[in-house]
N, C-alpha and C. Protein backbone atom coordinates (compact mmCIF):
# COMPACT_ATOMS: atom_id res chain seq x y z
N MET A 1 224.60 -24.11 -14.13
CA MET A 1 224.78 -22.90 -13.33
C MET A 1 223.48 -22.11 -13.33
N SER A 2 223.02 -21.69 -12.16
CA SER A 2 221.78 -20.94 -12.11
C SER A 2 222.03 -19.48 -12.48
N ARG A 3 221.02 -18.83 -12.91
CA ARG A 3 221.10 -17.42 -13.26
C ARG A 3 220.92 -16.59 -12.01
N SER A 4 221.44 -15.36 -12.04
CA SER A 4 221.37 -14.48 -10.88
C SER A 4 220.49 -13.28 -11.18
N LEU A 5 219.83 -12.82 -10.14
CA LEU A 5 218.92 -11.70 -10.26
C LEU A 5 218.80 -11.03 -8.91
N THR A 6 218.56 -9.73 -8.91
CA THR A 6 218.37 -8.99 -7.67
C THR A 6 216.91 -8.62 -7.52
N MET A 7 216.36 -8.83 -6.32
CA MET A 7 215.02 -8.33 -6.01
C MET A 7 215.18 -7.14 -5.08
N VAL A 8 214.54 -6.05 -5.45
CA VAL A 8 214.60 -4.84 -4.64
C VAL A 8 213.26 -4.70 -3.92
N THR A 9 213.31 -4.85 -2.60
CA THR A 9 212.12 -4.68 -1.77
C THR A 9 212.56 -4.45 -0.34
N SER A 10 211.76 -3.72 0.41
CA SER A 10 212.02 -3.55 1.84
C SER A 10 211.29 -4.62 2.64
N ASN A 11 210.51 -5.47 1.96
CA ASN A 11 209.71 -6.50 2.62
C ASN A 11 210.42 -7.85 2.54
N ILE A 12 211.01 -8.27 3.64
CA ILE A 12 211.75 -9.54 3.67
C ILE A 12 210.85 -10.73 3.36
N HIS A 13 209.56 -10.65 3.74
CA HIS A 13 208.63 -11.75 3.45
C HIS A 13 208.45 -11.94 1.94
N LYS A 14 208.36 -10.83 1.21
CA LYS A 14 208.25 -10.92 -0.25
C LYS A 14 209.50 -11.57 -0.83
N ALA A 15 210.66 -11.12 -0.36
CA ALA A 15 211.92 -11.67 -0.87
C ALA A 15 211.99 -13.17 -0.62
N GLN A 16 211.56 -13.61 0.55
CA GLN A 16 211.57 -15.03 0.86
C GLN A 16 210.60 -15.81 -0.02
N GLU A 17 209.41 -15.23 -0.26
CA GLU A 17 208.42 -15.90 -1.11
C GLU A 17 208.95 -16.03 -2.53
N VAL A 18 209.58 -14.98 -3.03
CA VAL A 18 210.11 -15.00 -4.40
C VAL A 18 211.28 -15.99 -4.50
N ALA A 19 212.17 -15.99 -3.51
CA ALA A 19 213.29 -16.94 -3.51
C ALA A 19 212.77 -18.38 -3.48
N ALA A 20 211.73 -18.64 -2.67
CA ALA A 20 211.14 -19.98 -2.61
C ALA A 20 210.54 -20.36 -3.95
N PHE A 21 209.93 -19.41 -4.62
CA PHE A 21 209.33 -19.68 -5.92
C PHE A 21 210.41 -20.07 -6.94
N PHE A 22 211.50 -19.31 -7.00
CA PHE A 22 212.55 -19.58 -7.99
C PHE A 22 213.34 -20.85 -7.67
N GLY A 23 213.44 -21.19 -6.39
CA GLY A 23 214.21 -22.38 -6.03
C GLY A 23 215.62 -22.31 -6.57
N GLN A 24 216.04 -23.35 -7.27
CA GLN A 24 217.40 -23.41 -7.82
C GLN A 24 217.51 -22.81 -9.21
N SER A 25 216.39 -22.46 -9.84
CA SER A 25 216.46 -21.99 -11.23
C SER A 25 217.07 -20.60 -11.37
N ILE A 26 216.85 -19.74 -10.37
CA ILE A 26 217.40 -18.38 -10.39
C ILE A 26 217.89 -18.05 -8.99
N ARG A 27 219.17 -17.68 -8.87
CA ARG A 27 219.71 -17.26 -7.58
C ARG A 27 219.28 -15.82 -7.34
N LEU A 28 218.59 -15.60 -6.22
CA LEU A 28 218.02 -14.29 -5.94
C LEU A 28 218.81 -13.58 -4.84
N ASP A 29 219.29 -12.39 -5.16
CA ASP A 29 219.89 -11.52 -4.17
C ASP A 29 218.81 -10.53 -3.74
N HIS A 30 218.83 -10.15 -2.47
CA HIS A 30 217.84 -9.21 -1.95
C HIS A 30 218.54 -7.90 -1.58
N VAL A 31 218.02 -6.79 -2.10
CA VAL A 31 218.53 -5.47 -1.78
C VAL A 31 217.38 -4.60 -1.31
N THR A 32 217.62 -3.89 -0.20
CA THR A 32 216.65 -2.92 0.28
C THR A 32 217.07 -1.55 -0.24
N LEU A 33 216.14 -0.87 -0.87
CA LEU A 33 216.41 0.46 -1.41
C LEU A 33 215.13 1.28 -1.25
N GLU A 34 215.24 2.44 -0.65
CA GLU A 34 214.07 3.31 -0.54
C GLU A 34 213.74 3.85 -1.92
N ILE A 35 212.56 3.51 -2.41
CA ILE A 35 212.13 3.93 -3.75
C ILE A 35 210.91 4.82 -3.61
N PRO A 36 210.97 6.04 -4.13
CA PRO A 36 209.77 6.87 -4.12
C PRO A 36 208.70 6.19 -4.98
N GLU A 37 207.50 6.09 -4.45
CA GLU A 37 206.45 5.38 -5.16
C GLU A 37 205.51 6.34 -5.87
N LEU A 38 205.37 6.13 -7.16
CA LEU A 38 204.45 6.89 -7.98
C LEU A 38 203.02 6.66 -7.48
N ARG A 39 202.23 7.69 -7.40
CA ARG A 39 200.81 7.55 -7.03
C ARG A 39 200.02 7.39 -8.32
N SER A 40 199.43 6.22 -8.45
CA SER A 40 198.68 5.90 -9.66
C SER A 40 197.70 4.79 -9.32
N ASP A 41 196.63 4.68 -10.09
CA ASP A 41 195.69 3.57 -9.95
C ASP A 41 196.14 2.37 -10.77
N ASP A 42 197.23 2.50 -11.53
CA ASP A 42 197.73 1.46 -12.42
C ASP A 42 198.98 0.82 -11.82
N ILE A 43 198.85 -0.42 -11.31
CA ILE A 43 200.01 -1.05 -10.66
C ILE A 43 201.13 -1.36 -11.65
N GLU A 44 200.82 -1.57 -12.91
CA GLU A 44 201.87 -1.80 -13.90
C GLU A 44 202.74 -0.55 -14.04
N GLU A 45 202.10 0.61 -14.07
CA GLU A 45 202.84 1.87 -14.16
C GLU A 45 203.69 2.09 -12.91
N ILE A 46 203.13 1.79 -11.74
CA ILE A 46 203.87 1.94 -10.49
C ILE A 46 205.10 1.02 -10.49
N ALA A 47 204.91 -0.24 -10.84
CA ALA A 47 206.02 -1.20 -10.87
C ALA A 47 207.08 -0.77 -11.88
N ARG A 48 206.66 -0.29 -13.04
CA ARG A 48 207.60 0.16 -14.08
C ARG A 48 208.48 1.29 -13.56
N GLU A 49 207.87 2.26 -12.89
CA GLU A 49 208.63 3.40 -12.38
C GLU A 49 209.55 3.01 -11.23
N LYS A 50 209.10 2.07 -10.39
CA LYS A 50 209.96 1.56 -9.32
C LYS A 50 211.19 0.87 -9.92
N ALA A 51 210.98 0.07 -10.97
CA ALA A 51 212.08 -0.62 -11.63
C ALA A 51 213.05 0.37 -12.27
N ARG A 52 212.51 1.40 -12.88
CA ARG A 52 213.36 2.42 -13.51
C ARG A 52 214.26 3.08 -12.47
N TYR A 53 213.66 3.47 -11.35
CA TYR A 53 214.41 4.12 -10.28
C TYR A 53 215.49 3.18 -9.73
N ALA A 54 215.12 1.95 -9.42
CA ALA A 54 216.06 0.99 -8.85
C ALA A 54 217.21 0.70 -9.81
N TYR A 55 216.89 0.51 -11.08
CA TYR A 55 217.94 0.20 -12.06
C TYR A 55 218.90 1.38 -12.21
N ASN A 56 218.38 2.60 -12.20
CA ASN A 56 219.22 3.78 -12.32
C ASN A 56 220.16 3.93 -11.13
N HIS A 57 219.81 3.34 -9.99
CA HIS A 57 220.66 3.40 -8.80
C HIS A 57 221.60 2.20 -8.68
N LEU A 58 221.15 1.02 -9.08
CA LEU A 58 221.94 -0.20 -8.88
C LEU A 58 222.69 -0.68 -10.12
N HIS A 59 222.19 -0.33 -11.31
CA HIS A 59 222.84 -0.68 -12.58
C HIS A 59 223.10 -2.18 -12.72
N ARG A 60 222.09 -2.99 -12.37
CA ARG A 60 222.18 -4.42 -12.57
C ARG A 60 220.78 -4.98 -12.79
N PRO A 61 220.66 -6.13 -13.43
CA PRO A 61 219.34 -6.72 -13.68
C PRO A 61 218.61 -6.95 -12.37
N LEU A 62 217.34 -6.52 -12.34
CA LEU A 62 216.59 -6.60 -11.08
C LEU A 62 215.10 -6.71 -11.34
N ILE A 63 214.40 -7.10 -10.28
CA ILE A 63 212.95 -7.08 -10.30
C ILE A 63 212.44 -6.31 -9.09
N VAL A 64 211.29 -5.70 -9.28
CA VAL A 64 210.51 -5.08 -8.20
C VAL A 64 209.09 -5.56 -8.41
N ASP A 65 208.25 -5.36 -7.41
CA ASP A 65 206.85 -5.70 -7.62
C ASP A 65 205.96 -4.66 -6.97
N ASP A 66 204.73 -4.70 -7.36
CA ASP A 66 203.70 -3.90 -6.71
C ASP A 66 202.42 -4.71 -6.75
N THR A 67 201.67 -4.64 -5.67
CA THR A 67 200.47 -5.46 -5.56
C THR A 67 199.25 -4.60 -5.24
N SER A 68 198.17 -4.95 -5.87
CA SER A 68 196.89 -4.30 -5.66
C SER A 68 195.94 -5.31 -5.01
N PHE A 69 195.20 -4.87 -3.99
CA PHE A 69 194.19 -5.71 -3.35
C PHE A 69 192.86 -5.01 -3.54
N SER A 70 191.99 -5.61 -4.33
CA SER A 70 190.73 -4.97 -4.72
C SER A 70 189.54 -5.75 -4.18
N ILE A 71 188.68 -5.06 -3.45
CA ILE A 71 187.49 -5.65 -2.85
C ILE A 71 186.27 -5.13 -3.61
N ASP A 72 185.51 -6.05 -4.20
CA ASP A 72 184.37 -5.66 -5.04
C ASP A 72 183.38 -4.75 -4.31
N ALA A 73 182.98 -5.12 -3.09
CA ALA A 73 181.97 -4.35 -2.35
C ALA A 73 182.46 -2.95 -1.98
N LEU A 74 183.78 -2.75 -2.01
CA LEU A 74 184.36 -1.43 -1.70
C LEU A 74 184.83 -0.73 -2.97
N HIS A 75 184.26 -1.14 -4.11
CA HIS A 75 184.56 -0.53 -5.41
C HIS A 75 186.05 -0.55 -5.75
N GLY A 76 186.70 -1.66 -5.41
CA GLY A 76 188.11 -1.83 -5.74
C GLY A 76 189.08 -1.34 -4.68
N PHE A 77 188.57 -0.75 -3.61
CA PHE A 77 189.42 -0.28 -2.52
C PHE A 77 190.01 -1.49 -1.81
N PRO A 78 191.23 -1.45 -1.35
CA PRO A 78 192.21 -0.37 -1.38
C PRO A 78 193.02 -0.27 -2.66
N GLY A 79 192.88 -1.23 -3.56
CA GLY A 79 193.57 -1.16 -4.84
C GLY A 79 195.08 -1.08 -4.66
N PRO A 80 195.75 -0.19 -5.43
CA PRO A 80 197.20 -0.09 -5.35
C PRO A 80 197.69 0.57 -4.06
N TYR A 81 196.76 1.01 -3.23
CA TYR A 81 197.12 1.64 -1.96
C TYR A 81 197.05 0.63 -0.81
N ALA A 82 197.11 -0.65 -1.16
CA ALA A 82 196.96 -1.73 -0.19
C ALA A 82 197.97 -1.64 0.96
N ALA A 83 199.22 -1.34 0.65
CA ALA A 83 200.24 -1.28 1.70
C ALA A 83 199.95 -0.14 2.68
N TYR A 84 199.55 1.00 2.15
CA TYR A 84 199.23 2.15 3.01
C TYR A 84 198.01 1.84 3.89
N VAL A 85 196.99 1.24 3.29
CA VAL A 85 195.77 0.91 4.04
C VAL A 85 196.08 -0.12 5.12
N LEU A 86 196.89 -1.12 4.79
CA LEU A 86 197.27 -2.12 5.78
C LEU A 86 198.01 -1.47 6.95
N LYS A 87 198.90 -0.54 6.62
CA LYS A 87 199.69 0.14 7.65
C LYS A 87 198.82 1.04 8.53
N THR A 88 197.80 1.65 7.96
CA THR A 88 196.99 2.61 8.71
C THR A 88 195.79 1.99 9.43
N ILE A 89 195.00 1.16 8.75
CA ILE A 89 193.82 0.59 9.41
C ILE A 89 193.91 -0.92 9.60
N GLY A 90 194.84 -1.55 8.91
CA GLY A 90 195.07 -2.98 9.08
C GLY A 90 193.91 -3.85 8.66
N ASN A 91 194.08 -5.13 8.90
CA ASN A 91 193.03 -6.10 8.56
C ASN A 91 191.75 -5.83 9.34
N GLN A 92 191.88 -5.43 10.60
CA GLN A 92 190.68 -5.15 11.41
C GLN A 92 189.88 -3.99 10.81
N GLY A 93 190.57 -2.99 10.29
CA GLY A 93 189.88 -1.88 9.64
C GLY A 93 189.14 -2.32 8.39
N ILE A 94 189.76 -3.17 7.60
CA ILE A 94 189.10 -3.71 6.41
C ILE A 94 187.87 -4.50 6.81
N LEU A 95 188.01 -5.34 7.85
CA LEU A 95 186.87 -6.14 8.30
C LEU A 95 185.74 -5.25 8.82
N MET A 96 186.08 -4.16 9.49
CA MET A 96 185.04 -3.22 9.95
C MET A 96 184.32 -2.58 8.77
N LEU A 97 185.07 -2.21 7.73
CA LEU A 97 184.45 -1.61 6.54
C LEU A 97 183.50 -2.59 5.85
N MET A 98 183.76 -3.88 6.02
CA MET A 98 182.96 -4.90 5.34
C MET A 98 181.86 -5.49 6.20
N GLU A 99 181.71 -5.03 7.44
CA GLU A 99 180.66 -5.55 8.31
C GLU A 99 179.30 -5.45 7.62
N GLY A 100 178.56 -6.56 7.64
CA GLY A 100 177.23 -6.58 7.06
C GLY A 100 177.20 -6.70 5.55
N THR A 101 178.35 -6.77 4.92
CA THR A 101 178.43 -6.86 3.46
C THR A 101 178.32 -8.31 3.01
N MET A 102 177.40 -8.57 2.11
CA MET A 102 177.21 -9.93 1.60
C MET A 102 178.24 -10.28 0.53
N ASN A 103 178.55 -9.33 -0.35
CA ASN A 103 179.52 -9.57 -1.42
C ASN A 103 180.92 -9.48 -0.83
N ARG A 104 181.60 -10.61 -0.68
CA ARG A 104 182.94 -10.65 -0.08
C ARG A 104 184.03 -10.89 -1.13
N ASN A 105 183.66 -10.84 -2.41
CA ASN A 105 184.62 -11.11 -3.48
C ASN A 105 185.74 -10.08 -3.50
N ALA A 106 186.94 -10.57 -3.74
CA ALA A 106 188.12 -9.71 -3.82
C ALA A 106 189.17 -10.38 -4.69
N HIS A 107 190.15 -9.62 -5.09
CA HIS A 107 191.27 -10.22 -5.83
C HIS A 107 192.55 -9.44 -5.60
N PHE A 108 193.64 -10.15 -5.70
CA PHE A 108 194.98 -9.56 -5.68
C PHE A 108 195.51 -9.57 -7.10
N THR A 109 196.21 -8.51 -7.47
CA THR A 109 196.95 -8.47 -8.72
C THR A 109 198.36 -8.00 -8.40
N THR A 110 199.35 -8.72 -8.90
CA THR A 110 200.74 -8.32 -8.72
C THR A 110 201.35 -8.03 -10.08
N ALA A 111 202.11 -6.94 -10.13
CA ALA A 111 202.90 -6.60 -11.31
C ALA A 111 204.37 -6.75 -10.93
N ILE A 112 205.08 -7.59 -11.67
CA ILE A 112 206.53 -7.76 -11.51
C ILE A 112 207.18 -6.98 -12.64
N ALA A 113 208.07 -6.06 -12.30
CA ALA A 113 208.79 -5.30 -13.33
C ALA A 113 210.26 -5.72 -13.29
N PHE A 114 210.76 -6.11 -14.44
CA PHE A 114 212.16 -6.48 -14.61
C PHE A 114 212.85 -5.36 -15.36
N ALA A 115 214.04 -4.97 -14.89
CA ALA A 115 214.82 -3.93 -15.57
C ALA A 115 216.23 -4.43 -15.80
N ASP A 116 216.73 -4.16 -16.99
CA ASP A 116 218.14 -4.38 -17.30
C ASP A 116 218.53 -3.36 -18.35
N GLU A 117 219.73 -3.52 -18.92
CA GLU A 117 220.22 -2.52 -19.89
C GLU A 117 219.37 -2.46 -21.15
N LYS A 118 218.53 -3.47 -21.39
CA LYS A 118 217.70 -3.51 -22.60
C LYS A 118 216.32 -2.87 -22.40
N GLY A 119 215.95 -2.59 -21.14
CA GLY A 119 214.65 -1.95 -20.91
C GLY A 119 213.94 -2.48 -19.69
N ILE A 120 212.67 -2.15 -19.62
CA ILE A 120 211.81 -2.56 -18.50
C ILE A 120 210.65 -3.36 -19.07
N PHE A 121 210.39 -4.50 -18.43
CA PHE A 121 209.34 -5.40 -18.89
C PHE A 121 208.46 -5.74 -17.69
N VAL A 122 207.14 -5.72 -17.88
CA VAL A 122 206.20 -5.92 -16.77
C VAL A 122 205.36 -7.17 -17.02
N PHE A 123 205.16 -7.96 -15.95
CA PHE A 123 204.42 -9.21 -15.99
C PHE A 123 203.41 -9.20 -14.85
N THR A 124 202.18 -9.62 -15.10
CA THR A 124 201.15 -9.57 -14.06
C THR A 124 200.57 -10.95 -13.76
N GLY A 125 200.02 -11.05 -12.56
CA GLY A 125 199.33 -12.26 -12.13
C GLY A 125 198.21 -11.88 -11.18
N MET A 126 197.13 -12.67 -11.18
CA MET A 126 195.97 -12.36 -10.34
C MET A 126 195.46 -13.63 -9.68
N ILE A 127 194.89 -13.46 -8.48
CA ILE A 127 194.21 -14.55 -7.79
C ILE A 127 192.91 -13.99 -7.21
N GLU A 128 191.83 -14.75 -7.41
CA GLU A 128 190.52 -14.34 -6.90
C GLU A 128 190.17 -15.14 -5.66
N GLY A 129 189.43 -14.52 -4.78
CA GLY A 129 188.99 -15.17 -3.55
C GLY A 129 187.95 -14.31 -2.87
N ASN A 130 187.91 -14.40 -1.54
CA ASN A 130 186.96 -13.56 -0.80
C ASN A 130 187.54 -13.18 0.55
N VAL A 131 186.99 -12.12 1.09
CA VAL A 131 187.41 -11.62 2.39
C VAL A 131 186.53 -12.30 3.44
N ILE A 132 187.16 -12.97 4.39
CA ILE A 132 186.41 -13.65 5.45
C ILE A 132 186.14 -12.67 6.58
N SER A 133 185.32 -13.05 7.54
CA SER A 133 184.91 -12.13 8.60
C SER A 133 185.85 -12.11 9.81
N GLU A 134 186.70 -13.13 9.96
CA GLU A 134 187.66 -13.20 11.07
C GLU A 134 189.00 -13.72 10.53
N PRO A 135 190.11 -13.12 10.94
CA PRO A 135 191.42 -13.61 10.47
C PRO A 135 191.64 -15.07 10.88
N ARG A 136 192.34 -15.82 9.97
CA ARG A 136 192.69 -17.21 10.25
C ARG A 136 194.09 -17.48 9.70
N GLY A 137 194.86 -18.26 10.47
CA GLY A 137 196.15 -18.73 9.99
C GLY A 137 197.33 -18.01 10.59
N GLU A 138 198.46 -18.69 10.53
CA GLU A 138 199.69 -18.19 11.13
C GLU A 138 200.75 -17.84 10.10
N GLU A 139 200.63 -18.37 8.90
CA GLU A 139 201.63 -18.13 7.85
C GLU A 139 201.33 -16.80 7.16
N GLY A 140 202.24 -16.38 6.33
CA GLY A 140 201.99 -15.24 5.46
C GLY A 140 202.12 -13.89 6.14
N PHE A 141 201.71 -12.88 5.41
CA PHE A 141 201.83 -11.50 5.87
C PHE A 141 200.74 -10.68 5.21
N GLY A 142 200.63 -9.44 5.59
CA GLY A 142 199.67 -8.54 4.97
C GLY A 142 198.24 -8.99 5.14
N TYR A 143 197.51 -9.07 4.04
CA TYR A 143 196.10 -9.43 4.05
C TYR A 143 195.88 -10.95 4.05
N ASP A 144 196.95 -11.72 4.05
CA ASP A 144 196.83 -13.19 3.96
C ASP A 144 195.84 -13.78 4.97
N PRO A 145 195.78 -13.32 6.24
CA PRO A 145 194.86 -13.94 7.20
C PRO A 145 193.38 -13.69 6.92
N VAL A 146 193.04 -12.72 6.07
CA VAL A 146 191.63 -12.43 5.81
C VAL A 146 191.21 -12.73 4.36
N PHE A 147 192.15 -13.21 3.54
CA PHE A 147 191.85 -13.51 2.14
C PHE A 147 191.82 -15.02 1.93
N GLU A 148 190.64 -15.52 1.55
CA GLU A 148 190.41 -16.96 1.42
C GLU A 148 190.33 -17.38 -0.03
N VAL A 149 190.99 -18.51 -0.32
CA VAL A 149 190.97 -19.11 -1.66
C VAL A 149 190.72 -20.61 -1.46
N GLY A 150 189.66 -21.12 -2.04
CA GLY A 150 189.38 -22.56 -1.96
C GLY A 150 189.23 -23.09 -0.53
N GLY A 151 188.64 -22.28 0.34
CA GLY A 151 188.37 -22.73 1.70
C GLY A 151 189.47 -22.46 2.72
N LYS A 152 190.63 -21.98 2.27
CA LYS A 152 191.73 -21.65 3.18
C LYS A 152 192.18 -20.22 2.94
N THR A 153 192.58 -19.55 4.02
CA THR A 153 193.19 -18.23 3.83
C THR A 153 194.62 -18.44 3.34
N LEU A 154 195.18 -17.40 2.72
CA LEU A 154 196.57 -17.49 2.30
C LEU A 154 197.49 -17.71 3.50
N ALA A 155 197.06 -17.26 4.69
CA ALA A 155 197.85 -17.46 5.91
C ALA A 155 197.78 -18.89 6.43
N GLU A 156 196.84 -19.68 5.94
CA GLU A 156 196.72 -21.09 6.34
C GLU A 156 197.45 -22.02 5.36
N ILE A 157 197.95 -21.46 4.30
CA ILE A 157 198.62 -22.25 3.27
C ILE A 157 200.13 -22.15 3.49
N PRO A 158 200.84 -23.28 3.58
CA PRO A 158 202.30 -23.23 3.76
C PRO A 158 202.97 -22.43 2.63
N LEU A 159 204.08 -21.78 2.95
CA LEU A 159 204.78 -20.90 2.02
C LEU A 159 205.06 -21.58 0.68
N GLU A 160 205.50 -22.84 0.72
CA GLU A 160 205.84 -23.54 -0.52
C GLU A 160 204.62 -23.66 -1.44
N GLU A 161 203.47 -23.97 -0.83
CA GLU A 161 202.23 -24.10 -1.61
C GLU A 161 201.76 -22.73 -2.08
N LYS A 162 201.82 -21.74 -1.18
CA LYS A 162 201.40 -20.38 -1.54
C LYS A 162 202.26 -19.84 -2.67
N SER A 163 203.57 -20.12 -2.60
CA SER A 163 204.46 -19.59 -3.63
C SER A 163 204.22 -20.25 -4.98
N ALA A 164 203.36 -21.24 -5.04
CA ALA A 164 203.01 -21.88 -6.31
C ALA A 164 201.66 -21.40 -6.86
N ILE A 165 200.79 -20.82 -5.99
CA ILE A 165 199.43 -20.48 -6.45
C ILE A 165 199.09 -19.00 -6.34
N SER A 166 199.88 -18.21 -5.65
CA SER A 166 199.50 -16.83 -5.36
C SER A 166 199.55 -15.94 -6.60
N HIS A 167 199.00 -14.75 -6.45
CA HIS A 167 199.05 -13.72 -7.48
C HIS A 167 200.49 -13.41 -7.85
N ARG A 168 201.36 -13.33 -6.84
CA ARG A 168 202.78 -13.08 -7.09
C ARG A 168 203.38 -14.26 -7.86
N ALA A 169 203.01 -15.48 -7.47
CA ALA A 169 203.52 -16.67 -8.16
C ALA A 169 203.10 -16.67 -9.63
N ARG A 170 201.88 -16.27 -9.90
CA ARG A 170 201.40 -16.26 -11.29
C ARG A 170 202.17 -15.24 -12.13
N ALA A 171 202.44 -14.07 -11.53
CA ALA A 171 203.25 -13.07 -12.24
C ALA A 171 204.68 -13.57 -12.40
N LEU A 172 205.22 -14.18 -11.34
CA LEU A 172 206.58 -14.70 -11.39
C LEU A 172 206.73 -15.83 -12.40
N MET A 173 205.70 -16.66 -12.54
CA MET A 173 205.75 -17.75 -13.50
C MET A 173 205.89 -17.21 -14.92
N THR A 174 205.09 -16.21 -15.24
CA THR A 174 205.15 -15.59 -16.56
C THR A 174 206.52 -14.94 -16.76
N PHE A 175 206.98 -14.22 -15.72
CA PHE A 175 208.30 -13.59 -15.80
C PHE A 175 209.40 -14.62 -15.98
N ARG A 176 209.40 -15.68 -15.13
CA ARG A 176 210.46 -16.69 -15.17
C ARG A 176 210.54 -17.34 -16.55
N ASP A 177 209.39 -17.68 -17.12
CA ASP A 177 209.40 -18.31 -18.45
C ASP A 177 210.02 -17.38 -19.48
N TRP A 178 209.66 -16.11 -19.43
CA TRP A 178 210.22 -15.12 -20.35
C TRP A 178 211.72 -14.94 -20.10
N PHE A 179 212.09 -14.80 -18.83
CA PHE A 179 213.48 -14.56 -18.44
C PHE A 179 214.39 -15.70 -18.87
N MET A 180 213.99 -16.94 -18.63
CA MET A 180 214.81 -18.09 -18.98
C MET A 180 214.97 -18.22 -20.50
N LYS A 181 213.99 -17.75 -21.23
CA LYS A 181 214.04 -17.82 -22.69
C LYS A 181 214.80 -16.65 -23.31
N ASN A 182 214.71 -15.46 -22.67
CA ASN A 182 215.21 -14.24 -23.30
C ASN A 182 216.48 -13.64 -22.71
N ARG A 183 216.94 -14.16 -21.59
CA ARG A 183 218.16 -13.61 -20.98
C ARG A 183 219.13 -14.76 -20.71
N ASN A 184 220.38 -14.62 -21.20
CA ASN A 184 221.35 -15.70 -20.94
C ASN A 184 222.17 -15.38 -19.69
N ASP A 185 222.93 -16.36 -19.22
CA ASP A 185 223.68 -16.23 -17.97
C ASP A 185 224.60 -15.03 -17.93
N SER A 186 225.32 -14.76 -19.00
CA SER A 186 226.28 -13.66 -18.98
C SER A 186 225.58 -12.31 -18.86
N GLU A 187 224.37 -12.20 -19.39
CA GLU A 187 223.64 -10.94 -19.30
C GLU A 187 223.10 -10.70 -17.91
N THR A 188 222.86 -11.76 -17.13
CA THR A 188 222.21 -11.59 -15.84
C THR A 188 223.15 -11.85 -14.67
N ASP A 189 224.43 -12.02 -14.93
CA ASP A 189 225.37 -12.26 -13.84
C ASP A 189 225.64 -10.95 -13.11
N THR A 190 225.16 -10.87 -11.87
CA THR A 190 225.30 -9.63 -11.10
C THR A 190 226.69 -9.47 -10.52
N ASN A 191 227.58 -10.45 -10.69
CA ASN A 191 228.93 -10.37 -10.13
C ASN A 191 229.96 -9.95 -11.16
N ARG A 192 229.53 -9.50 -12.32
CA ARG A 192 230.52 -9.16 -13.34
C ARG A 192 231.17 -7.84 -13.08
């Protein structure tokens, strides 16, 4: 019998990526909940507070995530404000900010926060790559078309492959290993 867990996010693409990552090992329910987001430069702190808020409203084992996109030449910008920057200036705005920049190094960091009656636990994962000068690819969402790893953008990598190598996958891998070892089925059954 697989274990059950709820992911709280308004982003259906994230929920699909996480469900693909877990496969049959963890049954993932998706819940949309408006969560006030703490303003901080620390994504672990942001994820922790999102998990606290969600757990206090749903009262069941759940995960939330927060992702930071940091570009070296822009001194770490947009960092934990990646979603806001994407919404306001988009990938084209990022590419305009980087025009003429030789240093294209960037990285994503994801913090997965798990909450249950025993507390809140945070797990992180990172992937390094570079920002390309023109978007490429049809898959993915967000910055995927402009973030390249090993010669391909995340948008050029099929979801199954991306869900095995991404920053979110790395955080999820650490979380899944901990979760399978530290939480039994009866503790994580959301239908009780």
